[in-house]
Amino acid sequence: MNSRPLILASNSPRRKELLAVLGVPFEVVPSAARELAEHASGPRELVRSNAKAKAEEVAARYPKRWVLGADTVVCLNRRVFGKPADRQKARQMLESLQGKTHRVFTGLCLLRGPAGDGDLWHEETLVTFRSLSAPAIRDYLERIDPLDKAGAYAIQEGGERIVGRIEGSLSNVVGLPLESLEARMVRHGIL
């Protein structure tokens, strides 16, 4: 096991909580990398590119440490739903997603040194929303802060009110797919 703590290149409280579940020592160093809002090759490459950029920016400052960068988006068809700019955009996002199945993509990059050892991958989970009335959407948005969440929702905060079914990793929808992350960390001797 690596004696130096992993660096999480994210200030996301949800990612911090999820990473703590694995029991790996880590510290948080938010990345200053500029995130892309879209990618010509689609959402898979968007999250992979953003995760890599975040990890590389922090790894350049800590070249001997393992760094984890991550990025999550919600996608309906080819339309990407990032974090809403305001509550009206959050409501519009939930109206667009209600009654439909969308995909949640998380890109992950585990990196040691800016061009060193590492892994770059993504996870995909299908999420089906219930049919939601305007009052149900309003009620949900009053219960959570949607502005720091891709797609304007948090499956772990009242998700049962809006989500009918998921196929794939639940932790991926929260922002960090623990199953594949744990396997990669074991492979690199981080865990």
C-alpha atoms as a PDB file:
ATOM      1  CA  MET A   1       0.000   0.000   0.000  1.00  0.00           C
ATOM      2  CA  ASN A   2       1.202   3.499  -0.861  1.00  0.00           C
ATOM      3  CA  SER A   3       2.358   5.390   2.258  1.00  0.00           C
ATOM      4  CA  ARG A   4       1.628   8.822   0.801  1.00  0.00           C
ATOM      5  CA  PRO A   5      -2.039   9.781   0.696  1.00  0.00           C
ATOM      6  CA  LEU A   6      -3.901   9.909  -2.569  1.00  0.00           C
ATOM      7  CA  ILE A   7      -4.873  13.389  -3.751  1.00  0.00           C
ATOM      8  CA  LEU A   8      -8.471  13.981  -4.779  1.00  0.00           C
ATOM      9  CA  ALA A   9      -8.451  16.764  -7.385  1.00  0.00           C
ATOM     10  CA  SER A  10     -11.994  17.802  -6.497  1.00  0.00           C
ATOM     11  CA  ASN A  11     -13.733  19.769  -3.781  1.00  0.00           C
ATOM     12  CA  SER A  12     -17.007  17.855  -4.261  1.00  0.00           C
ATOM     13  CA  PRO A  13     -18.438  16.846  -0.876  1.00  0.00           C
ATOM     14  CA  ARG A  14     -20.060  13.812  -2.496  1.00  0.00           C
ATOM     15  CA  ARG A  15     -16.755  12.579  -3.946  1.00  0.00           C
ATOM     16  CA  LYS A  16     -15.038  13.082  -0.586  1.00  0.00           C
ATOM     17  CA  GLU A  17     -17.736  11.021   1.163  1.00  0.00           C
ATOM     18  CA  LEU A  18     -17.569   8.250  -1.432  1.00  0.00           C
ATOM     19  CA  LEU A  19     -13.775   8.047  -1.466  1.00  0.00           C
ATOM     20  CA  ALA A  20     -13.759   7.807   2.342  1.00  0.00           C
ATOM     21  CA  VAL A  21     -15.863   4.620   2.030  1.00  0.00           C
ATOM     22  CA  LEU A  22     -12.882   2.868   0.430  1.00  0.00           C
ATOM     23  CA  GLY A  23     -10.740   3.595   3.502  1.00  0.00           C
ATOM     24  CA  VAL A  24      -7.837   5.001   1.519  1.00  0.00           C
ATOM     25  CA  PRO A  25      -6.046   7.979   3.097  1.00  0.00           C
ATOM     26  CA  PHE A  26      -6.458  11.046   0.897  1.00  0.00           C
ATOM     27  CA  GLU A  27      -6.258  14.787   0.882  1.00  0.00           C
ATOM     28  CA  VAL A  28      -8.166  17.271  -1.231  1.00  0.00           C
ATOM     29  CA  VAL A  29      -6.372  19.585  -3.663  1.00  0.00           C
ATOM     30  CA  PRO A  30      -8.955  21.114  -6.027  1.00  0.00           C
ATOM     31  CA  SER A  31      -7.809  21.370  -9.620  1.00  0.00           C
ATOM     32  CA  ALA A  32      -7.543  24.722 -11.351  1.00  0.00           C
ATOM     33  CA  ALA A  33      -7.974  23.089 -14.777  1.00  0.00           C
ATOM     34  CA  ARG A  34     -10.528  24.678 -17.081  1.00  0.00           C
ATOM     35  CA  GLU A  35     -13.399  22.265 -17.729  1.00  0.00           C
ATOM     36  CA  LEU A  36     -14.797  21.745 -21.205  1.00  0.00           C
ATOM     37  CA  ALA A  37     -18.565  22.136 -21.565  1.00  0.00           C
ATOM     38  CA  GLU A  38     -18.736  19.971 -24.692  1.00  0.00           C
ATOM     39  CA  HIS A  39     -16.600  17.626 -26.775  1.00  0.00           C
ATOM     40  CA  ALA A  40     -16.932  16.877 -30.481  1.00  0.00           C
ATOM     41  CA  SER A  41     -16.818  13.127 -29.756  1.00  0.00           C
ATOM     42  CA  GLY A  42     -19.647  13.256 -27.213  1.00  0.00           C
ATOM     43  CA  PRO A  43     -20.175  12.939 -23.457  1.00  0.00           C
ATOM     44  CA  ARG A  44     -17.870   9.961 -22.885  1.00  0.00           C
ATOM     45  CA  GLU A  45     -14.889  11.864 -24.219  1.00  0.00           C
ATOM     46  CA  LEU A  46     -16.040  15.045 -22.469  1.00  0.00           C
ATOM     47  CA  VAL A  47     -15.859  13.473 -19.001  1.00  0.00           C
ATOM     48  CA  ARG A  48     -12.636  11.633 -19.806  1.00  0.00           C
ATOM     49  CA  SER A  49     -10.989  14.844 -21.065  1.00  0.00           C
ATOM     50  CA  ASN A  50     -12.112  16.842 -18.039  1.00  0.00           C
ATOM     51  CA  ALA A  51     -11.012  14.149 -15.575  1.00  0.00           C
ATOM     52  CA  LYS A  52      -7.612  13.920 -17.257  1.00  0.00           C
ATOM     53  CA  ALA A  53      -7.133  17.694 -17.305  1.00  0.00           C
ATOM     54  CA  LYS A  54      -8.003  17.933 -13.592  1.00  0.00           C
ATOM     55  CA  ALA A  55      -5.626  15.112 -12.649  1.00  0.00           C
ATOM     56  CA  GLU A  56      -2.786  16.423 -14.831  1.00  0.00           C
ATOM     57  CA  GLU A  57      -3.029  19.941 -13.403  1.00  0.00           C
ATOM     58  CA  VAL A  58      -2.709  18.686  -9.826  1.00  0.00           C
ATOM     59  CA  ALA A  59      -0.154  15.959 -10.700  1.00  0.00           C
ATOM     60  CA  ALA A  60       2.139  18.656 -12.144  1.00  0.00           C
ATOM     61  CA  ARG A  61       2.245  20.205  -8.658  1.00  0.00           C
ATOM     62  CA  TYR A  62       2.625  16.841  -6.853  1.00  0.00           C
ATOM     63  CA  PRO A  63       4.621  14.654  -9.281  1.00  0.00           C
ATOM     64  CA  LYS A  64       5.350  11.825  -6.825  1.00  0.00           C
ATOM     65  CA  ARG A  65       1.774  11.411  -5.585  1.00  0.00           C
ATOM     66  CA  TRP A  66      -1.221   9.559  -6.976  1.00  0.00           C
ATOM     67  CA  VAL A  67      -3.944  11.988  -8.072  1.00  0.00           C
ATOM     68  CA  LEU A  68      -7.597  11.216  -8.832  1.00  0.00           C
ATOM     69  CA  GLY A  69      -9.486  13.498 -11.206  1.00  0.00           C
ATOM     70  CA  ALA A  70     -13.175  12.958 -11.944  1.00  0.00           C
ATOM     71  CA  ASP A  71     -15.976  14.583 -13.922  1.00  0.00           C
ATOM     72  CA  THR A  72     -19.665  13.658 -14.097  1.00  0.00           C
ATOM     73  CA  VAL A  73     -22.384  14.679 -16.549  1.00  0.00           C
ATOM     74  CA  VAL A  74     -25.974  13.693 -17.201  1.00  0.00           C
ATOM     75  CA  CYS A  75     -26.845  13.059 -20.835  1.00  0.00           C
ATOM     76  CA  LEU A  76     -30.211  12.661 -22.555  1.00  0.00           C
ATOM     77  CA  ASN A  77     -29.611  11.517 -26.119  1.00  0.00           C
ATOM     78  CA  ARG A  78     -26.615  13.743 -27.010  1.00  0.00           C
ATOM     79  CA  ARG A  79     -27.686  16.692 -24.866  1.00  0.00           C
ATOM     80  CA  VAL A  80     -25.354  17.170 -21.886  1.00  0.00           C
ATOM     81  CA  PHE A  81     -26.741  18.430 -18.595  1.00  0.00           C
ATOM     82  CA  GLY A  82     -24.021  19.855 -16.393  1.00  0.00           C
ATOM     83  CA  LYS A  83     -24.624  21.934 -13.291  1.00  0.00           C
ATOM     84  CA  PRO A  84     -27.512  24.371 -13.725  1.00  0.00           C
ATOM     85  CA  ALA A  85     -26.729  28.094 -13.649  1.00  0.00           C
ATOM     86  CA  ASP A  86     -29.813  28.931 -11.592  1.00  0.00           C
ATOM     87  CA  ARG A  87     -33.037  27.443 -10.192  1.00  0.00           C
ATOM     88  CA  GLN A  88     -34.966  28.110 -13.402  1.00  0.00           C
ATOM     89  CA  LYS A  89     -32.396  26.097 -15.398  1.00  0.00           C
ATOM     90  CA  ALA A  90     -32.597  23.364 -12.732  1.00  0.00           C
ATOM     91  CA  ARG A  91     -36.377  23.190 -13.158  1.00  0.00           C
ATOM     92  CA  GLN A  92     -35.988  23.047 -16.957  1.00  0.00           C
ATOM     93  CA  MET A  93     -33.483  20.212 -16.655  1.00  0.00           C
ATOM     94  CA  LEU A  94     -35.801  18.141 -14.466  1.00  0.00           C
ATOM     95  CA  GLU A  95     -38.717  18.836 -16.820  1.00  0.00           C
ATOM     96  CA  SER A  96     -36.598  17.542 -19.719  1.00  0.00           C
ATOM     97  CA  LEU A  97     -35.513  14.413 -17.829  1.00  0.00           C
ATOM     98  CA  GLN A  98     -38.869  13.468 -16.283  1.00  0.00           C
ATOM     99  CA  GLY A  99     -40.427  10.272 -17.588  1.00  0.00           C
ATOM    100  CA  LYS A 100     -37.295   9.368 -19.596  1.00  0.00           C
ATOM    101  CA  THR A 101     -34.141   7.291 -19.321  1.00  0.00           C
ATOM    102  CA  HIS A 102     -30.854   9.179 -19.367  1.00  0.00           C
ATOM    103  CA  ARG A 103     -27.211   8.270 -18.952  1.00  0.00           C
ATOM    104  CA  VAL A 104     -24.820   9.393 -16.238  1.00  0.00           C
ATOM    105  CA  PHE A 105     -21.176   9.397 -17.319  1.00  0.00           C
ATOM    106  CA  THR A 106     -18.261   9.792 -14.939  1.00  0.00           C
ATOM    107  CA  GLY A 107     -14.756  10.092 -16.308  1.00  0.00           C
ATOM    108  CA  LEU A 108     -11.910   9.136 -13.991  1.00  0.00           C
ATOM    109  CA  CYS A 109      -8.176   9.613 -14.220  1.00  0.00           C
ATOM    110  CA  LEU A 110      -5.761   8.085 -11.720  1.00  0.00           C
ATOM    111  CA  LEU A 111      -2.345   9.548 -12.370  1.00  0.00           C
ATOM    112  CA  ARG A 112       1.101   9.665 -10.777  1.00  0.00           C
ATOM    113  CA  GLY A 113       3.205  12.406 -12.325  1.00  0.00           C
ATOM    114  CA  PRO A 114       1.950  14.588 -15.181  1.00  0.00           C
ATOM    115  CA  ALA A 115       2.861  11.981 -17.808  1.00  0.00           C
ATOM    116  CA  GLY A 116       3.485   8.977 -15.594  1.00  0.00           C
ATOM    117  CA  ASP A 117       1.667   5.844 -14.498  1.00  0.00           C
ATOM    118  CA  GLY A 118      -2.060   5.925 -14.637  1.00  0.00           C
ATOM    119  CA  ASP A 119      -5.460   4.961 -15.885  1.00  0.00           C
ATOM    120  CA  LEU A 120      -8.144   6.865 -17.750  1.00  0.00           C
ATOM    121  CA  TRP A 121     -11.645   5.400 -17.988  1.00  0.00           C
ATOM    122  CA  HIS A 122     -15.325   6.174 -17.703  1.00  0.00           C
ATOM    123  CA  GLU A 123     -18.408   4.561 -16.201  1.00  0.00           C
ATOM    124  CA  GLU A 124     -21.945   4.782 -17.515  1.00  0.00           C
ATOM    125  CA  THR A 125     -25.189   4.254 -15.592  1.00  0.00           C
ATOM    126  CA  LEU A 126     -28.741   4.373 -16.939  1.00  0.00           C
ATOM    127  CA  VAL A 127     -31.236   6.307 -14.816  1.00  0.00           C
ATOM    128  CA  THR A 128     -34.981   6.347 -15.474  1.00  0.00           C
ATOM    129  CA  PHE A 129     -36.959   9.213 -13.993  1.00  0.00           C
ATOM    130  CA  ARG A 130     -40.557   8.852 -12.915  1.00  0.00           C
ATOM    131  CA  SER A 131     -43.156  11.028 -14.645  1.00  0.00           C
ATOM    132  CA  LEU A 132     -43.105  14.230 -12.611  1.00  0.00           C
ATOM    133  CA  SER A 133     -45.707  16.968 -12.299  1.00  0.00           C
ATOM    134  CA  ALA A 134     -44.721  20.630 -12.009  1.00  0.00           C
ATOM    135  CA  PRO A 135     -45.572  20.604  -8.264  1.00  0.00           C
ATOM    136  CA  ALA A 136     -43.430  17.453  -7.743  1.00  0.00           C
ATOM    137  CA  ILE A 137     -40.466  19.129  -9.464  1.00  0.00           C
ATOM    138  CA  ARG A 138     -40.963  22.299  -7.428  1.00  0.00           C
ATOM    139  CA  ASP A 139     -41.165  20.267  -4.204  1.00  0.00           C
ATOM    140  CA  TYR A 140     -37.986  18.344  -5.058  1.00  0.00           C
ATOM    141  CA  LEU A 141     -36.052  21.522  -5.852  1.00  0.00           C
ATOM    142  CA  GLU A 142     -37.125  23.021  -2.523  1.00  0.00           C
ATOM    143  CA  ARG A 143     -35.579  20.031  -0.711  1.00  0.00           C
ATOM    144  CA  ILE A 144     -32.111  20.074  -2.330  1.00  0.00           C
ATOM    145  CA  ASP A 145     -29.540  22.552  -3.650  1.00  0.00           C
ATOM    146  CA  PRO A 146     -29.543  21.671  -7.357  1.00  0.00           C
ATOM    147  CA  LEU A 147     -26.904  24.210  -8.427  1.00  0.00           C
ATOM    148  CA  ASP A 148     -23.852  22.045  -7.685  1.00  0.00           C
ATOM    149  CA  LYS A 149     -25.246  18.858  -9.210  1.00  0.00           C
ATOM    150  CA  ALA A 150     -25.054  17.615 -12.789  1.00  0.00           C
ATOM    151  CA  GLY A 151     -28.590  17.321 -14.120  1.00  0.00           C
ATOM    152  CA  ALA A 152     -29.918  19.332 -11.130  1.00  0.00           C
ATOM    153  CA  TYR A 153     -30.560  16.279  -8.980  1.00  0.00           C
ATOM    154  CA  ALA A 154     -28.928  14.132  -6.325  1.00  0.00           C
ATOM    155  CA  ILE A 155     -29.953  10.490  -6.236  1.00  0.00           C
ATOM    156  CA  GLN A 156     -28.801  10.301  -2.612  1.00  0.00           C
ATOM    157  CA  GLU A 157     -31.000  13.258  -1.559  1.00  0.00           C
ATOM    158  CA  GLY A 158     -34.630  12.321  -2.068  1.00  0.00           C
ATOM    159  CA  GLY A 159     -33.828  10.467  -5.254  1.00  0.00           C
ATOM    160  CA  GLU A 160     -36.629   7.997  -4.565  1.00  0.00           C
ATOM    161  CA  ARG A 161     -39.053  10.871  -5.287  1.00  0.00           C
ATOM    162  CA  ILE A 162     -37.848  11.280  -8.857  1.00  0.00           C
ATOM    163  CA  VAL A 163     -35.973   8.119  -9.893  1.00  0.00           C
ATOM    164  CA  GLY A 164     -37.874   4.993 -10.900  1.00  0.00           C
ATOM    165  CA  ARG A 165     -34.944   2.730 -11.836  1.00  0.00           C
ATOM    166  CA  ILE A 166     -31.177   2.629 -12.266  1.00  0.00           C
ATOM    167  CA  GLU A 167     -29.057   0.183 -14.231  1.00  0.00           C
ATOM    168  CA  GLY A 168     -25.407   0.166 -13.252  1.00  0.00           C
ATOM    169  CA  SER A 169     -23.370   1.732 -10.489  1.00  0.00           C
ATOM    170  CA  LEU A 170     -25.345   3.799  -7.976  1.00  0.00           C
ATOM    171  CA  SER A 171     -22.154   5.465  -6.708  1.00  0.00           C
ATOM    172  CA  ASN A 172     -21.430   6.524 -10.301  1.00  0.00           C
ATOM    173  CA  VAL A 173     -24.651   8.549 -10.276  1.00  0.00           C
ATOM    174  CA  VAL A 174     -23.485  10.215  -7.059  1.00  0.00           C
ATOM    175  CA  GLY A 175     -20.159  11.085  -8.742  1.00  0.00           C
ATOM    176  CA  LEU A 176     -17.576   8.334  -8.150  1.00  0.00           C
ATOM    177  CA  PRO A 177     -18.028   4.709  -9.291  1.00  0.00           C
ATOM    178  CA  LEU A 178     -16.507   2.892  -6.332  1.00  0.00           C
ATOM    179  CA  GLU A 179     -16.496  -0.569  -7.892  1.00  0.00           C
ATOM    180  CA  SER A 180     -14.188   0.236 -10.805  1.00  0.00           C
ATOM    181  CA  LEU A 181     -12.186   2.790  -8.803  1.00  0.00           C
ATOM    182  CA  GLU A 182     -11.382   0.253  -6.096  1.00  0.00           C
ATOM    183  CA  ALA A 183     -10.195  -2.290  -8.688  1.00  0.00           C
ATOM    184  CA  ARG A 184      -7.886   0.254 -10.335  1.00  0.00           C
ATOM    185  CA  MET A 185      -6.516   1.432  -6.985  1.00  0.00           C
ATOM    186  CA  VAL A 186      -5.701  -2.157  -6.029  1.00  0.00           C
ATOM    187  CA  ARG A 187      -3.966  -2.663  -9.388  1.00  0.00           C
ATOM    188  CA  HIS A 188      -1.728   0.366  -8.766  1.00  0.00           C
ATOM    189  CA  GLY A 189      -0.994  -0.479  -5.119  1.00  0.00           C
ATOM    190  CA  ILE A 190      -2.896   2.518  -3.776  1.00  0.00           C
ATOM    191  CA  LEU A 191      -5.210   0.239  -1.783  1.00  0.00           C
END
